[in-house]
Amino acid sequence: MNEDELEQFALEYGQELAFSIQSQPFGPDCEVFKVFEKMFMLVGTFSGKLLVTIKCKPEKSLEYQELYPSISAGYHMNKKHWISIKSGNDITADLLQDLIKDSYDLVVEKLSVKDRKLIHNV
């Protein structure tokens, strides 16, 4: 995926997820996606590069970084729990969708039972 495709796909898919809210708390160059006030994705340009930064299980983080040259430790985030994805031939729409959904699911798992029921009833 090139940068435009990466950005467009991440933004569109992030908006499709149940109870996902998009905002710009860090300024107009950074889109933040939250579910019930818990962040699961950032999409923005940092140091001249578009990055999609998502939550990830620590054991998967290192695995993804080894498998995919376009995936690195989360930029300006907890490197253990977040990864950043830049454009590259190794990033496909299916992979990006799976990674974003996994990030969303990790956040949803930590929500209250009441909030999880709302999400699962959609």
N, C-alpha and C. Protein backbone atom coordinates (compact mmCIF):
# COMPACT_ATOMS: atom_id res chain seq x y z
N MET A 1 0.85 -1.19 0.00
CA MET A 1 0.00 0.00 0.00
C MET A 1 0.89 1.24 0.00
N ASN A 2 0.46 2.23 -0.78
CA ASN A 2 1.16 3.51 -0.70
C ASN A 2 0.54 4.34 0.44
N GLU A 3 1.11 5.53 0.70
CA GLU A 3 0.64 6.33 1.84
C GLU A 3 -0.83 6.71 1.73
N ASP A 4 -1.27 7.11 0.54
CA ASP A 4 -2.67 7.51 0.37
C ASP A 4 -3.62 6.34 0.64
N GLU A 5 -3.28 5.18 0.11
CA GLU A 5 -4.12 3.99 0.33
C GLU A 5 -4.14 3.60 1.80
N LEU A 6 -2.98 3.66 2.44
CA LEU A 6 -2.88 3.32 3.86
C LEU A 6 -3.75 4.24 4.69
N GLU A 7 -3.64 5.53 4.44
CA GLU A 7 -4.42 6.51 5.20
C GLU A 7 -5.91 6.34 4.95
N GLN A 8 -6.30 6.25 3.68
CA GLN A 8 -7.72 6.13 3.34
C GLN A 8 -8.33 4.87 3.94
N PHE A 9 -7.63 3.74 3.81
CA PHE A 9 -8.17 2.49 4.33
C PHE A 9 -8.32 2.55 5.85
N ALA A 10 -7.29 3.02 6.54
CA ALA A 10 -7.33 3.08 8.01
C ALA A 10 -8.46 3.99 8.48
N LEU A 11 -8.60 5.16 7.86
CA LEU A 11 -9.66 6.09 8.26
C LEU A 11 -11.04 5.50 8.02
N GLU A 12 -11.24 4.92 6.85
CA GLU A 12 -12.55 4.35 6.52
C GLU A 12 -12.89 3.16 7.41
N TYR A 13 -11.93 2.28 7.62
CA TYR A 13 -12.22 1.10 8.45
C TYR A 13 -12.43 1.51 9.91
N GLY A 14 -11.65 2.44 10.40
CA GLY A 14 -11.82 2.92 11.77
C GLY A 14 -13.20 3.48 12.02
N GLN A 15 -13.75 4.17 11.02
CA GLN A 15 -15.08 4.77 11.14
C GLN A 15 -16.19 3.72 11.13
N GLU A 16 -15.92 2.55 10.55
CA GLU A 16 -16.94 1.50 10.45
C GLU A 16 -17.14 0.72 11.75
N LEU A 17 -16.17 0.73 12.62
CA LEU A 17 -16.25 -0.09 13.84
C LEU A 17 -17.27 0.47 14.82
N ALA A 18 -18.02 -0.41 15.45
CA ALA A 18 -19.11 -0.01 16.35
C ALA A 18 -18.62 0.90 17.47
N PHE A 19 -19.33 2.01 17.66
CA PHE A 19 -19.06 2.98 18.72
C PHE A 19 -17.70 3.66 18.59
N SER A 20 -17.10 3.58 17.41
CA SER A 20 -15.82 4.25 17.17
C SER A 20 -16.06 5.75 17.00
N ILE A 21 -15.26 6.54 17.70
CA ILE A 21 -15.34 8.00 17.61
C ILE A 21 -14.00 8.51 17.11
N GLN A 22 -14.05 9.36 16.10
CA GLN A 22 -12.85 9.96 15.52
C GLN A 22 -12.72 11.40 16.01
N SER A 23 -11.52 11.79 16.41
CA SER A 23 -11.30 13.16 16.88
C SER A 23 -9.87 13.59 16.54
N GLN A 24 -9.58 14.86 16.81
CA GLN A 24 -8.25 15.41 16.55
C GLN A 24 -7.71 16.13 17.79
N PRO A 25 -7.53 15.42 18.90
CA PRO A 25 -7.08 16.08 20.13
C PRO A 25 -5.65 16.61 20.06
N PHE A 26 -4.86 16.10 19.11
CA PHE A 26 -3.47 16.53 18.99
C PHE A 26 -3.25 17.48 17.82
N GLY A 27 -4.34 17.96 17.21
CA GLY A 27 -4.24 18.88 16.09
C GLY A 27 -4.75 18.25 14.81
N PRO A 28 -4.82 19.06 13.75
CA PRO A 28 -5.45 18.62 12.49
C PRO A 28 -4.66 17.56 11.72
N ASP A 29 -3.43 17.30 12.10
CA ASP A 29 -2.61 16.33 11.37
C ASP A 29 -2.63 14.93 11.98
N CYS A 30 -3.46 14.74 12.99
CA CYS A 30 -3.49 13.43 13.67
C CYS A 30 -4.92 13.05 14.02
N GLU A 31 -5.41 12.00 13.37
CA GLU A 31 -6.75 11.48 13.64
C GLU A 31 -6.64 10.40 14.71
N VAL A 32 -7.45 10.52 15.75
CA VAL A 32 -7.45 9.56 16.85
C VAL A 32 -8.79 8.84 16.86
N PHE A 33 -8.74 7.53 16.99
CA PHE A 33 -9.95 6.72 17.05
C PHE A 33 -10.05 6.10 18.44
N LYS A 34 -11.23 6.25 19.03
CA LYS A 34 -11.49 5.72 20.37
C LYS A 34 -12.80 4.95 20.37
N VAL A 35 -12.90 4.01 21.29
CA VAL A 35 -14.16 3.34 21.58
C VAL A 35 -14.38 3.53 23.07
N PHE A 36 -15.49 4.16 23.43
CA PHE A 36 -15.79 4.49 24.83
C PHE A 36 -14.60 5.16 25.51
N GLU A 37 -14.06 6.18 24.85
CA GLU A 37 -12.97 7.01 25.38
C GLU A 37 -11.63 6.30 25.51
N LYS A 38 -11.50 5.11 24.95
CA LYS A 38 -10.24 4.37 24.99
C LYS A 38 -9.67 4.32 23.57
N MET A 39 -8.46 4.82 23.41
CA MET A 39 -7.84 4.92 22.09
C MET A 39 -7.41 3.55 21.57
N PHE A 40 -7.70 3.31 20.27
CA PHE A 40 -7.23 2.09 19.63
C PHE A 40 -6.44 2.35 18.36
N MET A 41 -6.47 3.61 17.83
CA MET A 41 -5.71 3.89 16.62
C MET A 41 -5.44 5.39 16.47
N LEU A 42 -4.23 5.70 15.98
CA LEU A 42 -3.87 7.06 15.58
C LEU A 42 -3.44 6.99 14.12
N VAL A 43 -3.86 7.96 13.33
CA VAL A 43 -3.43 8.05 11.94
C VAL A 43 -2.92 9.46 11.73
N GLY A 44 -1.65 9.59 11.39
CA GLY A 44 -1.11 10.93 11.21
C GLY A 44 0.28 10.92 10.61
N THR A 45 0.74 12.11 10.27
CA THR A 45 2.07 12.28 9.70
C THR A 45 3.01 12.74 10.81
N PHE A 46 4.07 11.99 10.98
CA PHE A 46 5.07 12.27 12.00
C PHE A 46 6.44 12.23 11.34
N SER A 47 7.22 13.28 11.52
CA SER A 47 8.55 13.37 10.91
C SER A 47 8.48 13.11 9.40
N GLY A 48 7.42 13.63 8.77
CA GLY A 48 7.27 13.53 7.33
C GLY A 48 6.76 12.20 6.81
N LYS A 49 6.43 11.27 7.69
CA LYS A 49 5.93 9.95 7.28
C LYS A 49 4.55 9.71 7.84
N LEU A 50 3.65 9.20 6.98
CA LEU A 50 2.33 8.81 7.46
C LEU A 50 2.47 7.51 8.24
N LEU A 51 1.89 7.49 9.44
CA LEU A 51 1.92 6.30 10.28
C LEU A 51 0.52 5.98 10.78
N VAL A 52 0.20 4.71 10.81
CA VAL A 52 -1.00 4.21 11.47
C VAL A 52 -0.49 3.49 12.72
N THR A 53 -0.84 4.00 13.88
CA THR A 53 -0.35 3.44 15.13
C THR A 53 -1.51 2.78 15.87
N ILE A 54 -1.31 1.52 16.22
CA ILE A 54 -2.39 0.73 16.82
C ILE A 54 -1.89 -0.07 18.02
N LYS A 55 -2.83 -0.44 18.86
CA LYS A 55 -2.54 -1.27 20.04
C LYS A 55 -2.29 -2.70 19.57
N CYS A 56 -1.44 -3.41 20.31
CA CYS A 56 -1.06 -4.76 19.91
C CYS A 56 -0.65 -5.56 21.14
N LYS A 57 -0.92 -6.85 21.12
CA LYS A 57 -0.44 -7.70 22.21
C LYS A 57 1.08 -7.71 22.18
N PRO A 58 1.73 -7.60 23.35
CA PRO A 58 3.20 -7.54 23.38
C PRO A 58 3.89 -8.69 22.65
N GLU A 59 3.37 -9.90 22.78
CA GLU A 59 4.01 -11.04 22.12
C GLU A 59 3.87 -10.98 20.60
N LYS A 60 2.84 -10.31 20.11
CA LYS A 60 2.64 -10.17 18.67
C LYS A 60 3.46 -9.01 18.10
N SER A 61 3.70 -8.00 18.91
CA SER A 61 4.41 -6.81 18.46
C SER A 61 5.76 -7.15 17.85
N LEU A 62 6.57 -7.89 18.56
CA LEU A 62 7.90 -8.25 18.05
C LEU A 62 7.80 -9.15 16.82
N GLU A 63 6.83 -10.05 16.84
CA GLU A 63 6.63 -10.95 15.70
C GLU A 63 6.31 -10.14 14.44
N TYR A 64 5.39 -9.18 14.54
CA TYR A 64 5.03 -8.35 13.39
C TYR A 64 6.22 -7.53 12.91
N GLN A 65 7.00 -7.01 13.85
CA GLN A 65 8.16 -6.20 13.48
C GLN A 65 9.21 -7.02 12.73
N GLU A 66 9.32 -8.30 13.07
CA GLU A 66 10.26 -9.18 12.38
C GLU A 66 9.74 -9.60 11.01
N LEU A 67 8.43 -9.82 10.91
CA LEU A 67 7.84 -10.30 9.66
C LEU A 67 7.65 -9.21 8.60
N TYR A 68 7.35 -7.99 9.04
CA TYR A 68 6.97 -6.92 8.12
C TYR A 68 7.90 -5.72 8.29
N PRO A 69 8.70 -5.41 7.26
CA PRO A 69 9.60 -4.25 7.34
C PRO A 69 8.88 -2.92 7.58
N SER A 70 7.62 -2.83 7.21
CA SER A 70 6.86 -1.58 7.36
C SER A 70 6.23 -1.42 8.74
N ILE A 71 6.45 -2.37 9.63
CA ILE A 71 5.91 -2.29 10.99
C ILE A 71 7.06 -2.09 11.98
N SER A 72 6.89 -1.10 12.85
CA SER A 72 7.91 -0.81 13.86
C SER A 72 7.23 -0.59 15.21
N ALA A 73 8.04 -0.42 16.24
CA ALA A 73 7.50 -0.13 17.57
C ALA A 73 6.71 1.17 17.51
N GLY A 74 5.68 1.29 18.31
CA GLY A 74 4.79 2.44 18.27
C GLY A 74 5.51 3.77 18.45
N TYR A 75 5.31 4.67 17.50
CA TYR A 75 5.94 5.99 17.53
C TYR A 75 5.33 6.82 18.65
N HIS A 76 6.15 7.28 19.57
CA HIS A 76 5.73 8.10 20.72
C HIS A 76 4.68 7.41 21.58
N MET A 77 4.70 6.08 21.60
CA MET A 77 3.75 5.31 22.40
C MET A 77 4.54 4.26 23.18
N ASN A 78 3.86 3.55 24.06
CA ASN A 78 4.49 2.45 24.78
C ASN A 78 4.90 1.39 23.76
N LYS A 79 6.19 1.21 23.60
CA LYS A 79 6.72 0.31 22.56
C LYS A 79 6.32 -1.15 22.77
N LYS A 80 5.94 -1.49 23.98
CA LYS A 80 5.54 -2.86 24.27
C LYS A 80 4.12 -3.15 23.78
N HIS A 81 3.26 -2.13 23.82
CA HIS A 81 1.83 -2.35 23.56
C HIS A 81 1.32 -1.69 22.27
N TRP A 82 2.16 -0.99 21.55
CA TRP A 82 1.73 -0.28 20.34
C TRP A 82 2.72 -0.53 19.21
N ILE A 83 2.20 -0.59 17.98
CA ILE A 83 3.04 -0.67 16.79
C ILE A 83 2.63 0.43 15.82
N SER A 84 3.58 0.84 14.99
CA SER A 84 3.30 1.83 13.95
C SER A 84 3.51 1.16 12.60
N ILE A 85 2.63 1.49 11.67
CA ILE A 85 2.65 0.90 10.34
C ILE A 85 2.84 2.02 9.33
N LYS A 86 3.86 1.89 8.48
CA LYS A 86 4.06 2.86 7.40
C LYS A 86 3.74 2.17 6.08
N SER A 87 3.67 2.95 5.02
CA SER A 87 3.34 2.38 3.72
C SER A 87 4.46 1.44 3.27
N GLY A 88 4.08 0.45 2.49
CA GLY A 88 5.05 -0.50 1.96
C GLY A 88 4.36 -1.63 1.23
N ASN A 89 5.11 -2.32 0.39
CA ASN A 89 4.54 -3.42 -0.39
C ASN A 89 4.12 -4.60 0.48
N ASP A 90 4.66 -4.68 1.70
CA ASP A 90 4.33 -5.79 2.59
C ASP A 90 3.01 -5.58 3.34
N ILE A 91 2.44 -4.39 3.23
CA ILE A 91 1.18 -4.09 3.93
C ILE A 91 0.02 -4.20 2.94
N THR A 92 -0.88 -5.13 3.21
CA THR A 92 -2.06 -5.32 2.36
C THR A 92 -3.29 -4.82 3.11
N ALA A 93 -4.37 -4.64 2.38
CA ALA A 93 -5.63 -4.21 3.00
C ALA A 93 -6.09 -5.24 4.03
N ASP A 94 -5.97 -6.53 3.70
CA ASP A 94 -6.40 -7.58 4.63
C ASP A 94 -5.58 -7.54 5.92
N LEU A 95 -4.26 -7.38 5.79
CA LEU A 95 -3.40 -7.31 6.97
C LEU A 95 -3.76 -6.10 7.82
N LEU A 96 -3.89 -4.94 7.17
CA LEU A 96 -4.20 -3.72 7.91
C LEU A 96 -5.55 -3.84 8.62
N GLN A 97 -6.54 -4.39 7.94
CA GLN A 97 -7.85 -4.58 8.56
C GLN A 97 -7.74 -5.49 9.78
N ASP A 98 -7.01 -6.59 9.66
CA ASP A 98 -6.84 -7.51 10.79
C ASP A 98 -6.15 -6.83 11.97
N LEU A 99 -5.12 -6.04 11.69
CA LEU A 99 -4.38 -5.37 12.76
C LEU A 99 -5.24 -4.32 13.47
N ILE A 100 -6.00 -3.56 12.69
CA ILE A 100 -6.88 -2.54 13.28
C ILE A 100 -7.97 -3.21 14.11
N LYS A 101 -8.56 -4.27 13.57
CA LYS A 101 -9.62 -4.99 14.31
C LYS A 101 -9.07 -5.59 15.59
N ASP A 102 -7.86 -6.15 15.53
CA ASP A 102 -7.24 -6.70 16.75
C ASP A 102 -7.04 -5.61 17.79
N SER A 103 -6.60 -4.43 17.36
CA SER A 103 -6.41 -3.30 18.27
C SER A 103 -7.73 -2.91 18.92
N TYR A 104 -8.74 -2.77 18.11
CA TYR A 104 -10.09 -2.44 18.59
C TYR A 104 -10.56 -3.48 19.61
N ASP A 105 -10.39 -4.76 19.27
CA ASP A 105 -10.83 -5.84 20.15
C ASP A 105 -10.07 -5.84 21.48
N LEU A 106 -8.78 -5.51 21.45
CA LEU A 106 -8.00 -5.42 22.69
C LEU A 106 -8.58 -4.37 23.63
N VAL A 107 -8.98 -3.25 23.06
CA VAL A 107 -9.57 -2.17 23.87
C VAL A 107 -10.95 -2.58 24.37
N VAL A 108 -11.75 -3.15 23.50
CA VAL A 108 -13.11 -3.57 23.88
C VAL A 108 -13.06 -4.59 25.02
N GLU A 109 -12.09 -5.50 24.98
CA GLU A 109 -11.94 -6.52 26.04
C GLU A 109 -11.82 -5.90 27.43
N LYS A 110 -11.26 -4.71 27.50
CA LYS A 110 -11.00 -4.05 28.79
C LYS A 110 -12.15 -3.14 29.24
N LEU A 111 -13.17 -3.01 28.42
CA LEU A 111 -14.31 -2.16 28.77
C LEU A 111 -15.19 -2.85 29.80
N SER A 112 -16.08 -2.08 30.38
CA SER A 112 -17.03 -2.65 31.35
C SER A 112 -17.96 -3.64 30.63
N VAL A 113 -18.54 -4.53 31.40
CA VAL A 113 -19.48 -5.51 30.85
C VAL A 113 -20.63 -4.79 30.14
N LYS A 114 -21.12 -3.74 30.74
CA LYS A 114 -22.23 -2.96 30.17
C LYS A 114 -21.86 -2.43 28.78
N ASP A 115 -20.67 -1.84 28.66
CA ASP A 115 -20.24 -1.28 27.37
C ASP A 115 -20.00 -2.38 26.34
N ARG A 116 -19.42 -3.49 26.77
CA ARG A 116 -19.19 -4.61 25.85
C ARG A 116 -20.52 -5.15 25.32
N LYS A 117 -21.53 -5.23 26.17
CA LYS A 117 -22.85 -5.70 25.73
C LYS A 117 -23.43 -4.76 24.68
N LEU A 118 -23.27 -3.46 24.87
CA LEU A 118 -23.75 -2.50 23.88
C LEU A 118 -23.10 -2.74 22.53
N ILE A 119 -21.80 -2.95 22.54
CA ILE A 119 -21.05 -3.18 21.29
C ILE A 119 -21.49 -4.47 20.63
N HIS A 120 -21.62 -5.52 21.39
CA HIS A 120 -21.95 -6.83 20.82
C HIS A 120 -23.41 -6.92 20.37
N ASN A 121 -24.25 -6.00 20.81
CA ASN A 121 -25.65 -5.99 20.38
C ASN A 121 -25.86 -5.17 19.11
N VAL A 122 -24.82 -4.58 18.58
CA VAL A 122 -24.95 -3.76 17.36
C VAL A 122 -24.98 -4.66 16.16
